[in-house]
Amino acid sequence: MIIYSNVCKIQDKYCLNENHLMARIDQWLWATRFFKTRSLAKKHIEQGKIKIDGQKVKPSRHVQLDDCISIRKNDTHWEVTVLGIIEK
């Protein structure tokens, strides 16, 4: 019997190592359509309106599964948990 501790299921595909499934936070926010452009996502990140697990981040920070992302945009505040990695 083989047990894998790093097995994840994303879009019905299993992978043994999650590390190769990475996307920058600015790409992820754009791909999930929280922002219309990647540059808008980057601007909000640099202004400190985006936090991962309660900490301010840089646009180059990689998103990982189960990260808790806090997004403030205008008068709206979202708390989202990353369930999948997407770049485009």
C-alpha atoms as a PDB file:
ATOM      1  CA  MET A   1       0.000   0.000   0.000  1.00  0.00           C
ATOM      2  CA  ILE A   2       1.381   3.432  -0.981  1.00  0.00           C
ATOM      3  CA  ILE A   3       0.311   6.559   0.890  1.00  0.00           C
ATOM      4  CA  TYR A   4       1.108   9.987  -0.524  1.00  0.00           C
ATOM      5  CA  SER A   5       0.952  12.965   1.797  1.00  0.00           C
ATOM      6  CA  ASN A   6       1.181  15.537  -1.004  1.00  0.00           C
ATOM      7  CA  VAL A   7      -1.512  14.187  -3.311  1.00  0.00           C
ATOM      8  CA  CYS A   8      -3.866  16.860  -4.566  1.00  0.00           C
ATOM      9  CA  LYS A   9      -6.792  16.746  -6.963  1.00  0.00           C
ATOM     10  CA  ILE A  10      -7.172  19.638  -9.386  1.00  0.00           C
ATOM     11  CA  GLN A  11      -9.663  19.395 -12.246  1.00  0.00           C
ATOM     12  CA  ASP A  12      -9.704  15.570 -12.009  1.00  0.00           C
ATOM     13  CA  LYS A  13      -5.911  15.355 -12.384  1.00  0.00           C
ATOM     14  CA  TYR A  14      -3.790  14.027  -9.560  1.00  0.00           C
ATOM     15  CA  CYS A  15      -0.274  15.226  -8.920  1.00  0.00           C
ATOM     16  CA  LEU A  16       2.246  14.080  -6.354  1.00  0.00           C
ATOM     17  CA  ASN A  17       4.027  17.388  -5.903  1.00  0.00           C
ATOM     18  CA  GLU A  18       1.983  20.576  -5.569  1.00  0.00           C
ATOM     19  CA  ASN A  19       5.043  22.799  -5.952  1.00  0.00           C
ATOM     20  CA  HIS A  20       4.987  22.737  -9.737  1.00  0.00           C
ATOM     21  CA  LEU A  21       1.433  24.105  -9.687  1.00  0.00           C
ATOM     22  CA  MET A  22       2.194  27.730  -8.941  1.00  0.00           C
ATOM     23  CA  ALA A  23       0.900  31.088 -10.047  1.00  0.00           C
ATOM     24  CA  ARG A  24       1.815  34.589  -8.989  1.00  0.00           C
ATOM     25  CA  ILE A  25      -0.810  36.320  -6.859  1.00  0.00           C
ATOM     26  CA  ASP A  26      -1.351  39.063  -9.471  1.00  0.00           C
ATOM     27  CA  GLN A  27      -1.889  36.422 -12.191  1.00  0.00           C
ATOM     28  CA  TRP A  28      -4.224  34.414  -9.972  1.00  0.00           C
ATOM     29  CA  LEU A  29      -6.346  37.440  -9.045  1.00  0.00           C
ATOM     30  CA  TRP A  30      -6.678  38.357 -12.724  1.00  0.00           C
ATOM     31  CA  ALA A  31      -7.381  34.759 -13.823  1.00  0.00           C
ATOM     32  CA  THR A  32     -10.116  34.371 -11.203  1.00  0.00           C
ATOM     33  CA  ARG A  33     -11.598  37.676 -12.404  1.00  0.00           C
ATOM     34  CA  PHE A  34     -11.368  39.619  -9.172  1.00  0.00           C
ATOM     35  CA  PHE A  35      -9.657  42.292 -11.302  1.00  0.00           C
ATOM     36  CA  LYS A  36     -10.182  43.204 -14.939  1.00  0.00           C
ATOM     37  CA  THR A  37      -6.457  43.486 -15.685  1.00  0.00           C
ATOM     38  CA  ARG A  38      -3.303  42.148 -14.153  1.00  0.00           C
ATOM     39  CA  SER A  39      -1.979  45.675 -13.684  1.00  0.00           C
ATOM     40  CA  LEU A  40      -5.039  46.550 -11.553  1.00  0.00           C
ATOM     41  CA  ALA A  41      -4.384  43.475  -9.430  1.00  0.00           C
ATOM     42  CA  LYS A  42      -0.738  44.511  -9.066  1.00  0.00           C
ATOM     43  CA  LYS A  43      -1.763  48.053  -8.059  1.00  0.00           C
ATOM     44  CA  HIS A  44      -4.068  46.752  -5.314  1.00  0.00           C
ATOM     45  CA  ILE A  45      -1.377  44.383  -4.055  1.00  0.00           C
ATOM     46  CA  GLU A  46       1.177  47.201  -3.856  1.00  0.00           C
ATOM     47  CA  GLN A  47      -1.345  49.351  -1.962  1.00  0.00           C
ATOM     48  CA  GLY A  48      -1.665  46.613   0.657  1.00  0.00           C
ATOM     49  CA  LYS A  49      -5.277  45.769  -0.172  1.00  0.00           C
ATOM     50  CA  ILE A  50      -4.453  42.109  -0.797  1.00  0.00           C
ATOM     51  CA  LYS A  51      -3.227  39.887   2.034  1.00  0.00           C
ATOM     52  CA  ILE A  52      -2.407  36.202   2.206  1.00  0.00           C
ATOM     53  CA  ASP A  53      -2.939  34.618   5.604  1.00  0.00           C
ATOM     54  CA  GLY A  54      -3.109  38.105   7.130  1.00  0.00           C
ATOM     55  CA  GLN A  55       0.207  39.329   5.714  1.00  0.00           C
ATOM     56  CA  LYS A  56       0.859  41.922   3.034  1.00  0.00           C
ATOM     57  CA  VAL A  57       2.453  40.435  -0.069  1.00  0.00           C
ATOM     58  CA  LYS A  58       4.323  41.436  -3.205  1.00  0.00           C
ATOM     59  CA  PRO A  59       2.898  40.819  -6.709  1.00  0.00           C
ATOM     60  CA  SER A  60       5.505  38.098  -7.293  1.00  0.00           C
ATOM     61  CA  ARG A  61       4.321  36.010  -4.311  1.00  0.00           C
ATOM     62  CA  HIS A  62       3.162  32.549  -5.368  1.00  0.00           C
ATOM     63  CA  VAL A  63      -0.280  31.300  -4.433  1.00  0.00           C
ATOM     64  CA  GLN A  64      -0.553  27.858  -2.853  1.00  0.00           C
ATOM     65  CA  LEU A  65      -3.495  25.598  -2.224  1.00  0.00           C
ATOM     66  CA  ASP A  66      -5.427  26.422   0.967  1.00  0.00           C
ATOM     67  CA  ASP A  67      -4.031  29.982   1.164  1.00  0.00           C
ATOM     68  CA  CYS A  68      -6.541  32.381   2.710  1.00  0.00           C
ATOM     69  CA  ILE A  69      -6.602  35.557   0.603  1.00  0.00           C
ATOM     70  CA  SER A  70      -8.147  38.786   1.839  1.00  0.00           C
ATOM     71  CA  ILE A  71      -9.213  41.103  -0.993  1.00  0.00           C
ATOM     72  CA  ARG A  72     -10.381  44.694  -0.486  1.00  0.00           C
ATOM     73  CA  LYS A  73     -11.775  46.377  -3.575  1.00  0.00           C
ATOM     74  CA  ASN A  74     -13.751  49.599  -3.232  1.00  0.00           C
ATOM     75  CA  ASP A  75     -16.380  48.916  -0.542  1.00  0.00           C
ATOM     76  CA  THR A  76     -16.250  45.148  -0.991  1.00  0.00           C
ATOM     77  CA  HIS A  77     -14.196  42.731   1.112  1.00  0.00           C
ATOM     78  CA  TRP A  78     -13.718  39.081   0.153  1.00  0.00           C
ATOM     79  CA  GLU A  79     -12.100  36.305   2.165  1.00  0.00           C
ATOM     80  CA  VAL A  80     -11.328  33.450  -0.220  1.00  0.00           C
ATOM     81  CA  THR A  81      -9.530  30.139   0.145  1.00  0.00           C
ATOM     82  CA  VAL A  82      -7.506  28.877  -2.805  1.00  0.00           C
ATOM     83  CA  LEU A  83      -8.938  25.575  -4.014  1.00  0.00           C
ATOM     84  CA  GLY A  84      -7.110  25.477  -7.327  1.00  0.00           C
ATOM     85  CA  ILE A  85      -4.215  27.101  -9.146  1.00  0.00           C
ATOM     86  CA  ILE A  86      -4.986  28.915 -12.369  1.00  0.00           C
ATOM     87  CA  GLU A  87      -2.843  31.291 -14.454  1.00  0.00           C
ATOM     88  CA  LYS A  88      -5.020  32.193 -17.436  1.00  0.00           C
END
